[in-house]
Amino acid sequence: MTRRIATLTTLLVLALAAPAGAQSGAFGPLPSAATPTPTAAPTTTETGETGRNTLFIIGGALIVGFLIMGALIARDARRKAPEIVTAGAAITEPGTGARKPHTAAAKKKMRAKTRAQKQARKAHRR
């Protein structure tokens, strides 16, 4: 229904539109031509070519500009990057001062405790 109303309205507006003023007398007499005024000829000897040195200067300026922009963007990205927080070293090396390495007796005790826990879990499964 909406399409029909839109189409009908468009056709009605186009059918009733008055022609533009320039379209009313298409085959009427032409207006008189204006007399051309003489113009002075240009006296420049420019060939329209850009010199080789000028092109090298422009190219060098573009390269320097891109390098400066890249450095500024990289510096800003490093400043805004979030710091990565780690929990510490996964494996401590002896002599680093972070933790003391376990002695043989301590390791033996931990293994026994682990075995006891494993046996307790097995006993509860049955």
N, C-alpha and C. Protein backbone atom coordinates (compact mmCIF):
# COMPACT_ATOMS: atom_id res chain seq x y z
N MET A 1 0.82 -1.19 0.00
CA MET A 1 0.00 0.00 0.00
C MET A 1 0.87 1.25 0.00
N THR A 2 1.95 1.22 0.78
CA THR A 2 2.84 2.38 0.87
C THR A 2 3.53 2.64 -0.47
N ARG A 3 3.91 1.57 -1.16
CA ARG A 3 4.55 1.74 -2.47
C ARG A 3 3.60 2.38 -3.47
N ARG A 4 2.35 1.98 -3.44
CA ARG A 4 1.36 2.55 -4.37
C ARG A 4 1.17 4.03 -4.11
N ILE A 5 1.11 4.41 -2.84
CA ILE A 5 0.92 5.83 -2.51
C ILE A 5 2.15 6.63 -2.95
N ALA A 6 3.34 6.10 -2.72
CA ALA A 6 4.58 6.80 -3.10
C ALA A 6 4.66 6.95 -4.62
N THR A 7 4.33 5.89 -5.35
CA THR A 7 4.37 5.95 -6.82
C THR A 7 3.34 6.94 -7.34
N LEU A 8 2.14 6.89 -6.81
CA LEU A 8 1.07 7.79 -7.26
C LEU A 8 1.43 9.24 -6.97
N THR A 9 1.97 9.52 -5.81
CA THR A 9 2.36 10.88 -5.45
C THR A 9 3.48 11.38 -6.37
N THR A 10 4.44 10.55 -6.66
CA THR A 10 5.55 10.94 -7.54
C THR A 10 5.05 11.24 -8.95
N LEU A 11 4.20 10.39 -9.49
CA LEU A 11 3.65 10.62 -10.83
C LEU A 11 2.80 11.89 -10.87
N LEU A 12 2.04 12.17 -9.83
CA LEU A 12 1.21 13.37 -9.78
C LEU A 12 2.07 14.63 -9.76
N VAL A 13 3.15 14.61 -8.97
CA VAL A 13 4.04 15.77 -8.90
C VAL A 13 4.73 16.00 -10.24
N LEU A 14 5.16 14.92 -10.90
CA LEU A 14 5.83 15.06 -12.19
C LEU A 14 4.88 15.52 -13.28
N ALA A 15 3.65 15.09 -13.22
CA ALA A 15 2.67 15.47 -14.26
C ALA A 15 2.27 16.93 -14.14
N LEU A 16 2.21 17.44 -12.94
CA LEU A 16 1.76 18.82 -12.72
C LEU A 16 2.89 19.83 -12.66
N ALA A 17 4.15 19.39 -12.76
CA ALA A 17 5.28 20.31 -12.67
C ALA A 17 5.31 21.23 -13.88
N ALA A 18 5.54 22.51 -13.65
CA ALA A 18 5.63 23.49 -14.74
C ALA A 18 7.01 23.39 -15.37
N PRO A 19 7.11 23.57 -16.69
CA PRO A 19 8.42 23.51 -17.33
C PRO A 19 9.28 24.69 -16.88
N ALA A 20 10.56 24.49 -16.88
CA ALA A 20 11.49 25.55 -16.50
C ALA A 20 11.48 26.64 -17.54
N GLY A 21 11.90 27.83 -17.14
CA GLY A 21 11.87 28.98 -18.06
C GLY A 21 12.76 28.78 -19.28
N ALA A 22 13.85 28.11 -19.17
CA ALA A 22 14.75 27.91 -20.30
C ALA A 22 14.19 26.90 -21.28
N GLN A 23 13.23 26.08 -20.86
CA GLN A 23 12.69 25.06 -21.73
C GLN A 23 11.47 25.55 -22.52
N SER A 24 10.98 26.72 -22.23
CA SER A 24 9.75 27.15 -22.87
C SER A 24 9.92 27.51 -24.33
N GLY A 25 10.99 28.14 -24.74
CA GLY A 25 11.17 28.54 -26.15
C GLY A 25 12.43 27.94 -26.72
N ALA A 26 12.44 26.67 -26.92
CA ALA A 26 13.65 26.00 -27.37
C ALA A 26 14.03 26.37 -28.80
N PHE A 27 13.05 26.67 -29.66
CA PHE A 27 13.35 26.95 -31.06
C PHE A 27 13.19 28.43 -31.39
N GLY A 28 13.24 29.28 -30.41
CA GLY A 28 13.11 30.72 -30.62
C GLY A 28 14.43 31.30 -31.13
N PRO A 29 14.44 32.62 -31.36
CA PRO A 29 15.66 33.26 -31.86
C PRO A 29 16.77 33.21 -30.81
N LEU A 30 17.99 33.06 -31.27
CA LEU A 30 19.15 33.00 -30.39
C LEU A 30 19.54 34.41 -29.96
N PRO A 31 20.07 34.57 -28.78
CA PRO A 31 20.54 35.90 -28.37
C PRO A 31 21.78 36.28 -29.17
N SER A 32 22.03 37.58 -29.27
CA SER A 32 23.18 38.04 -30.06
C SER A 32 24.47 37.62 -29.36
N ALA A 33 25.43 37.26 -30.17
CA ALA A 33 26.71 36.80 -29.64
C ALA A 33 27.52 37.98 -29.15
N ALA A 34 28.22 37.81 -28.06
CA ALA A 34 29.08 38.87 -27.54
C ALA A 34 30.35 38.90 -28.36
N THR A 35 30.88 40.09 -28.58
CA THR A 35 32.10 40.22 -29.37
C THR A 35 33.29 39.85 -28.47
N PRO A 36 34.14 38.98 -28.96
CA PRO A 36 35.28 38.59 -28.14
C PRO A 36 36.27 39.73 -28.03
N THR A 37 36.84 39.89 -26.85
CA THR A 37 37.85 40.93 -26.64
C THR A 37 39.22 40.28 -26.80
N PRO A 38 40.13 40.97 -27.43
CA PRO A 38 41.46 40.40 -27.62
C PRO A 38 42.18 40.29 -26.28
N THR A 39 42.88 39.17 -26.09
CA THR A 39 43.64 38.95 -24.86
C THR A 39 45.12 38.93 -25.18
N ALA A 40 45.91 39.33 -24.23
CA ALA A 40 47.36 39.36 -24.43
C ALA A 40 47.91 37.94 -24.30
N ALA A 41 48.84 37.60 -25.14
CA ALA A 41 49.45 36.27 -25.12
C ALA A 41 50.43 36.18 -23.95
N PRO A 42 50.45 35.07 -23.25
CA PRO A 42 51.41 34.95 -22.12
C PRO A 42 52.83 34.89 -22.64
N THR A 43 53.72 35.50 -21.90
CA THR A 43 55.12 35.58 -22.32
C THR A 43 56.03 34.72 -21.44
N THR A 44 55.49 33.71 -20.75
CA THR A 44 56.33 32.86 -19.91
C THR A 44 56.98 31.76 -20.74
N THR A 45 58.12 31.32 -20.30
CA THR A 45 58.84 30.26 -21.01
C THR A 45 58.80 28.96 -20.22
N GLU A 46 57.81 28.80 -19.37
CA GLU A 46 57.69 27.59 -18.56
C GLU A 46 57.30 26.41 -19.43
N THR A 47 57.98 25.27 -19.20
CA THR A 47 57.66 24.08 -19.98
C THR A 47 56.68 23.18 -19.26
N GLY A 48 56.39 23.45 -17.98
CA GLY A 48 55.45 22.64 -17.23
C GLY A 48 56.08 21.40 -16.61
N GLU A 49 57.38 21.27 -16.66
CA GLU A 49 58.06 20.12 -16.09
C GLU A 49 58.68 20.49 -14.75
N THR A 50 58.70 19.54 -13.83
CA THR A 50 59.33 19.75 -12.54
C THR A 50 60.76 19.23 -12.62
N GLY A 51 61.68 19.98 -12.06
CA GLY A 51 63.08 19.60 -12.12
C GLY A 51 63.38 18.36 -11.29
N ARG A 52 64.46 17.70 -11.67
CA ARG A 52 64.86 16.47 -11.00
C ARG A 52 65.24 16.73 -9.54
N ASN A 53 65.96 17.80 -9.28
CA ASN A 53 66.36 18.13 -7.91
C ASN A 53 65.15 18.41 -7.03
N THR A 54 64.16 19.08 -7.60
CA THR A 54 62.94 19.37 -6.84
C THR A 54 62.23 18.08 -6.44
N LEU A 55 62.16 17.13 -7.35
CA LEU A 55 61.53 15.85 -7.04
C LEU A 55 62.28 15.10 -5.96
N PHE A 56 63.63 15.13 -5.99
CA PHE A 56 64.41 14.47 -4.95
C PHE A 56 64.20 15.13 -3.59
N ILE A 57 64.09 16.45 -3.56
CA ILE A 57 63.86 17.17 -2.31
C ILE A 57 62.49 16.79 -1.74
N ILE A 58 61.47 16.75 -2.60
CA ILE A 58 60.12 16.39 -2.16
C ILE A 58 60.11 14.95 -1.65
N GLY A 59 60.74 14.03 -2.38
CA GLY A 59 60.79 12.64 -1.95
C GLY A 59 61.51 12.46 -0.63
N GLY A 60 62.64 13.16 -0.46
CA GLY A 60 63.38 13.09 0.79
C GLY A 60 62.57 13.62 1.96
N ALA A 61 61.85 14.73 1.72
CA ALA A 61 61.01 15.29 2.78
C ALA A 61 59.90 14.31 3.17
N LEU A 62 59.33 13.63 2.19
CA LEU A 62 58.28 12.64 2.50
C LEU A 62 58.84 11.47 3.31
N ILE A 63 60.01 10.99 2.93
CA ILE A 63 60.62 9.86 3.67
C ILE A 63 60.91 10.26 5.11
N VAL A 64 61.50 11.44 5.29
CA VAL A 64 61.81 11.92 6.65
C VAL A 64 60.52 12.09 7.45
N GLY A 65 59.49 12.64 6.81
CA GLY A 65 58.21 12.82 7.50
C GLY A 65 57.60 11.50 7.94
N PHE A 66 57.63 10.50 7.06
CA PHE A 66 57.08 9.18 7.43
C PHE A 66 57.89 8.53 8.55
N LEU A 67 59.21 8.68 8.52
CA LEU A 67 60.03 8.11 9.59
C LEU A 67 59.73 8.76 10.93
N ILE A 68 59.56 10.08 10.93
CA ILE A 68 59.23 10.79 12.17
C ILE A 68 57.86 10.36 12.69
N MET A 69 56.88 10.25 11.79
CA MET A 69 55.54 9.81 12.21
C MET A 69 55.58 8.40 12.78
N GLY A 70 56.32 7.50 12.14
CA GLY A 70 56.43 6.13 12.63
C GLY A 70 57.07 6.07 14.00
N ALA A 71 58.11 6.87 14.21
CA ALA A 71 58.77 6.89 15.52
C ALA A 71 57.83 7.42 16.59
N LEU A 72 57.08 8.46 16.29
CA LEU A 72 56.15 9.03 17.26
C LEU A 72 55.03 8.05 17.60
N ILE A 73 54.52 7.36 16.60
CA ILE A 73 53.45 6.39 16.84
C ILE A 73 53.96 5.23 17.68
N ALA A 74 55.15 4.73 17.37
CA ALA A 74 55.71 3.62 18.13
C ALA A 74 55.98 4.03 19.58
N ARG A 75 56.50 5.24 19.78
CA ARG A 75 56.78 5.71 21.14
C ARG A 75 55.48 5.84 21.94
N ASP A 76 54.46 6.38 21.32
CA ASP A 76 53.18 6.53 22.02
C ASP A 76 52.56 5.17 22.32
N ALA A 77 52.71 4.21 21.41
CA ALA A 77 52.15 2.88 21.63
C ALA A 77 52.85 2.20 22.80
N ARG A 78 54.15 2.41 22.94
CA ARG A 78 54.87 1.81 24.06
C ARG A 78 54.45 2.44 25.38
N ARG A 79 54.17 3.73 25.36
CA ARG A 79 53.75 4.41 26.59
C ARG A 79 52.36 3.97 27.03
N LYS A 80 51.47 3.76 26.08
CA LYS A 80 50.09 3.43 26.40
C LYS A 80 49.85 1.95 26.62
N ALA A 81 50.80 1.10 26.29
CA ALA A 81 50.61 -0.35 26.42
C ALA A 81 50.49 -0.73 27.89
N PRO A 82 49.56 -1.64 28.20
CA PRO A 82 49.44 -2.05 29.60
C PRO A 82 50.63 -2.89 30.01
N GLU A 83 50.99 -2.77 31.28
CA GLU A 83 52.11 -3.55 31.78
C GLU A 83 51.66 -4.97 32.02
N ILE A 84 52.50 -5.91 31.66
CA ILE A 84 52.19 -7.32 31.86
C ILE A 84 52.68 -7.71 33.25
N VAL A 85 51.74 -8.17 34.05
CA VAL A 85 52.07 -8.55 35.42
C VAL A 85 52.18 -10.06 35.48
N THR A 86 53.31 -10.54 35.92
CA THR A 86 53.49 -11.98 36.05
C THR A 86 53.57 -12.35 37.52
N ALA A 87 53.25 -13.57 37.82
CA ALA A 87 53.27 -14.04 39.20
C ALA A 87 54.68 -14.33 39.68
N GLY A 88 55.61 -14.32 38.81
CA GLY A 88 56.99 -14.63 39.18
C GLY A 88 57.51 -15.72 38.26
N ALA A 89 58.71 -16.13 38.51
CA ALA A 89 59.31 -17.17 37.68
C ALA A 89 58.62 -18.49 37.94
N ALA A 90 58.36 -19.24 36.87
CA ALA A 90 57.70 -20.53 37.02
C ALA A 90 58.61 -21.53 37.71
N ILE A 91 59.87 -21.52 37.36
CA ILE A 91 60.84 -22.43 37.97
C ILE A 91 61.95 -21.57 38.52
N THR A 92 62.21 -21.73 39.78
CA THR A 92 63.27 -20.92 40.37
C THR A 92 64.59 -21.62 40.20
N GLU A 93 65.56 -20.87 39.83
CA GLU A 93 66.91 -21.40 39.65
C GLU A 93 67.67 -21.26 40.96
N PRO A 94 68.46 -22.24 41.31
CA PRO A 94 69.25 -22.10 42.54
C PRO A 94 70.24 -20.95 42.40
N GLY A 95 70.37 -20.18 43.43
CA GLY A 95 71.32 -19.08 43.41
C GLY A 95 70.73 -17.77 42.96
N THR A 96 69.46 -17.75 42.57
CA THR A 96 68.86 -16.49 42.14
C THR A 96 68.39 -15.66 43.32
N GLY A 97 68.25 -16.28 44.46
CA GLY A 97 67.83 -15.55 45.64
C GLY A 97 66.32 -15.52 45.81
N ALA A 98 65.56 -16.02 44.84
CA ALA A 98 64.11 -15.98 44.94
C ALA A 98 63.63 -16.98 45.98
N ARG A 99 64.06 -18.23 45.89
CA ARG A 99 63.68 -19.28 46.83
C ARG A 99 64.87 -20.20 47.04
N LYS A 100 64.89 -20.81 48.18
CA LYS A 100 65.94 -21.78 48.43
C LYS A 100 65.53 -23.10 47.81
N PRO A 101 66.46 -23.81 47.21
CA PRO A 101 66.09 -25.10 46.64
C PRO A 101 65.78 -26.10 47.76
N HIS A 102 64.88 -27.02 47.48
CA HIS A 102 64.48 -28.02 48.48
C HIS A 102 65.61 -29.01 48.72
N THR A 103 65.74 -29.40 49.96
CA THR A 103 66.74 -30.41 50.30
C THR A 103 66.18 -31.79 49.98
N ALA A 104 67.03 -32.77 49.96
CA ALA A 104 66.61 -34.14 49.64
C ALA A 104 65.61 -34.65 50.67
N ALA A 105 65.81 -34.31 51.94
CA ALA A 105 64.89 -34.77 52.99
C ALA A 105 63.51 -34.13 52.81
N ALA A 106 63.49 -32.84 52.44
CA ALA A 106 62.21 -32.15 52.25
C ALA A 106 61.47 -32.74 51.06
N LYS A 107 62.19 -33.07 50.00
CA LYS A 107 61.56 -33.68 48.83
C LYS A 107 60.98 -35.05 49.17
N LYS A 108 61.71 -35.82 49.96
CA LYS A 108 61.24 -37.15 50.36
C LYS A 108 59.96 -37.04 51.19
N LYS A 109 59.92 -36.06 52.08
CA LYS A 109 58.74 -35.85 52.92
C LYS A 109 57.53 -35.44 52.07
N MET A 110 57.75 -34.54 51.08
CA MET A 110 56.65 -34.11 50.21
C MET A 110 56.12 -35.27 49.37
N ARG A 111 57.02 -36.12 48.88
CA ARG A 111 56.58 -37.27 48.08
C ARG A 111 55.74 -38.23 48.92
N ALA A 112 56.15 -38.44 50.18
CA ALA A 112 55.39 -39.32 51.07
C ALA A 112 54.00 -38.75 51.34
N LYS A 113 53.93 -37.46 51.53
CA LYS A 113 52.64 -36.80 51.78
C LYS A 113 51.74 -36.95 50.56
N THR A 114 52.31 -36.77 49.36
CA THR A 114 51.53 -36.91 48.13
C THR A 114 51.02 -38.34 47.98
N ARG A 115 51.87 -39.32 48.28
CA ARG A 115 51.45 -40.73 48.20
C ARG A 115 50.32 -41.02 49.17
N ALA A 116 50.40 -40.47 50.37
CA ALA A 116 49.36 -40.69 51.37
C ALA A 116 48.03 -40.09 50.90
N GLN A 117 48.08 -38.92 50.30
CA GLN A 117 46.85 -38.29 49.78
C GLN A 117 46.26 -39.12 48.65
N LYS A 118 47.10 -39.66 47.80
CA LYS A 118 46.64 -40.48 46.69
C LYS A 118 45.97 -41.75 47.21
N GLN A 119 46.58 -42.37 48.22
CA GLN A 119 46.00 -43.59 48.81
C GLN A 119 44.65 -43.28 49.46
N ALA A 120 44.54 -42.11 50.10
CA ALA A 120 43.28 -41.72 50.74
C ALA A 120 42.18 -41.53 49.69
N ARG A 121 42.53 -40.94 48.56
CA ARG A 121 41.54 -40.77 47.49
C ARG A 121 41.08 -42.10 46.94
N LYS A 122 42.02 -43.02 46.76
CA LYS A 122 41.68 -44.35 46.27
C LYS A 122 40.77 -45.09 47.24
N ALA A 123 41.01 -44.92 48.53
CA ALA A 123 40.21 -45.62 49.55
C ALA A 123 38.77 -45.11 49.54
N HIS A 124 38.57 -43.84 49.23
CA HIS A 124 37.21 -43.29 49.24
C HIS A 124 36.45 -43.63 47.97
N ARG A 125 37.12 -44.05 46.92
CA ARG A 125 36.44 -44.40 45.65
C ARG A 125 35.64 -45.67 45.79
N ARG A 126 36.05 -46.59 46.58
CA ARG A 126 35.41 -47.90 46.66
C ARG A 126 34.09 -47.88 47.32
